[in-house]
């Protein structure tokens, strides 16, 4: 079972996270916090941090526009990589982001 907290996120975050968890991590045990904050100084749209073996933090830049769902799916894929102890592969994640976005849009 997983525990998910959305802090200051847009309404669109919840259905995306819920869909991703059902599709890719249905039986996983972890704690996830997704929050929006100003990441201007870090010059990133978002990031995923593995805090402990089963605790993850995803931060998304508050200034995101139409790419909000893409960035969220990108970071969720990084969480999936961390959860499965796979190496973080940015090229794979960029390809996967597009596939995930298409799959999500087909279902919603």
Protein backbone atom coordinates (compact mmCIF):
# COMPACT_ATOMS: atom_id res chain seq x y z
CA UNK A 1 0.00 0.00 0.00
CA UNK A 2 1.14 3.52 -0.61
CA UNK A 3 0.52 6.84 1.04
CA UNK A 4 0.36 9.93 -1.16
CA UNK A 5 0.28 13.54 -0.03
CA UNK A 6 -0.29 16.37 -2.49
CA UNK A 7 0.80 19.70 -1.06
CA UNK A 8 -0.19 22.85 -2.89
CA UNK A 9 -0.66 20.97 -6.16
CA UNK A 10 -3.08 21.74 -8.95
CA UNK A 11 -6.26 19.71 -9.20
CA UNK A 12 -4.83 17.90 -12.22
CA UNK A 13 -2.10 16.30 -10.09
CA UNK A 14 -4.35 13.90 -8.20
CA UNK A 15 -5.81 12.01 -11.20
CA UNK A 16 -2.36 11.76 -12.81
CA UNK A 17 -0.70 10.38 -9.68
CA UNK A 18 -3.60 8.01 -9.01
CA UNK A 19 -3.54 6.70 -12.58
CA UNK A 20 0.24 6.20 -12.52
CA UNK A 21 0.12 4.31 -9.22
CA UNK A 22 -2.65 1.99 -10.41
CA UNK A 23 -0.85 1.30 -13.70
CA UNK A 24 2.76 0.97 -12.58
CA UNK A 25 2.99 0.49 -8.82
CA UNK A 26 -0.33 -1.05 -7.71
CA UNK A 27 1.12 -3.29 -4.99
CA UNK A 28 4.03 -1.11 -3.97
CA UNK A 29 4.64 0.03 -0.40
CA UNK A 30 5.92 3.61 -0.17
CA UNK A 31 5.26 7.15 0.97
CA UNK A 32 5.14 9.89 -1.66
CA UNK A 33 4.86 13.63 -1.21
CA UNK A 34 4.24 15.76 -4.29
CA UNK A 35 4.51 19.50 -3.80
CA UNK A 36 4.66 22.62 -5.89
CA UNK A 37 7.14 25.31 -5.03
CA UNK A 38 9.25 27.97 -6.66
CA UNK A 39 12.23 26.17 -8.20
CA UNK A 40 13.43 29.19 -10.22
CA UNK A 41 16.76 29.37 -8.45
CA UNK A 42 17.39 25.66 -9.11
CA UNK A 43 16.63 26.11 -12.85
CA UNK A 44 14.57 22.89 -13.04
CA UNK A 45 10.94 22.12 -13.80
CA UNK A 46 10.88 19.40 -11.19
CA UNK A 47 12.77 16.65 -9.46
CA UNK A 48 12.32 13.44 -7.59
CA UNK A 49 14.30 12.61 -4.47
CA UNK A 50 14.47 9.26 -2.75
CA UNK A 51 14.63 10.19 0.92
CA UNK A 52 14.69 6.65 2.32
CA UNK A 53 14.16 3.20 0.84
CA UNK A 54 10.39 3.73 0.58
CA UNK A 55 9.99 7.50 0.92
CA UNK A 56 9.97 9.83 -2.08
CA UNK A 57 9.57 13.56 -2.63
CA UNK A 58 8.58 15.07 -5.96
CA UNK A 59 8.78 18.84 -6.28
CA UNK A 60 7.31 20.65 -9.27
CA UNK A 61 7.98 24.25 -10.22
CA UNK A 62 4.98 26.48 -9.50
CA UNK A 63 5.49 28.33 -12.78
CA UNK A 64 4.86 25.34 -15.05
CA UNK A 65 2.46 25.89 -17.92
CA UNK A 66 0.98 23.38 -20.33
CA UNK A 67 3.80 20.92 -19.61
CA UNK A 68 2.64 20.35 -16.02
CA UNK A 69 1.36 16.80 -16.57
CA UNK A 70 4.42 15.87 -18.66
CA UNK A 71 6.79 17.03 -15.93
CA UNK A 72 4.78 15.22 -13.26
CA UNK A 73 4.85 11.97 -15.29
CA UNK A 74 8.58 12.45 -15.89
CA UNK A 75 9.23 12.68 -12.15
CA UNK A 76 6.89 9.77 -11.40
CA UNK A 77 8.93 7.67 -13.82
CA UNK A 78 12.09 8.62 -11.91
CA UNK A 79 10.34 7.49 -8.72
CA UNK A 80 9.52 4.18 -10.45
CA UNK A 81 13.21 3.82 -11.39
CA UNK A 82 14.32 4.51 -7.82
CA UNK A 83 11.70 2.18 -6.37
CA UNK A 84 12.96 -0.67 -8.56
CA UNK A 85 16.62 0.22 -7.90
CA UNK A 86 17.19 0.96 -11.57
CA UNK A 87 19.78 3.49 -12.68
CA UNK A 88 18.43 6.95 -13.36
CA UNK A 89 18.43 7.25 -17.14
CA UNK A 90 17.38 10.68 -18.39
CA UNK A 91 17.14 9.69 -22.06
CA UNK A 92 14.91 6.73 -21.23
CA UNK A 93 12.80 8.92 -18.96
CA UNK A 94 12.28 11.51 -21.71
CA UNK A 95 11.07 8.78 -24.09
CA UNK A 96 8.92 7.28 -21.34
CA UNK A 97 7.45 10.68 -20.49
CA UNK A 98 5.98 10.94 -24.01
CA UNK A 99 4.66 7.38 -23.91
CA UNK A 100 3.10 7.92 -20.48
CA UNK A 101 1.53 11.20 -21.55
CA UNK A 102 -0.04 9.56 -24.62
CA UNK A 103 -1.29 6.63 -22.57
CA UNK A 104 -2.69 8.90 -19.85
CA UNK A 105 -4.45 11.12 -22.42
CA UNK A 106 -6.03 8.06 -24.07
CA UNK A 107 -7.52 7.03 -20.73
CA UNK A 108 -8.74 10.49 -19.66
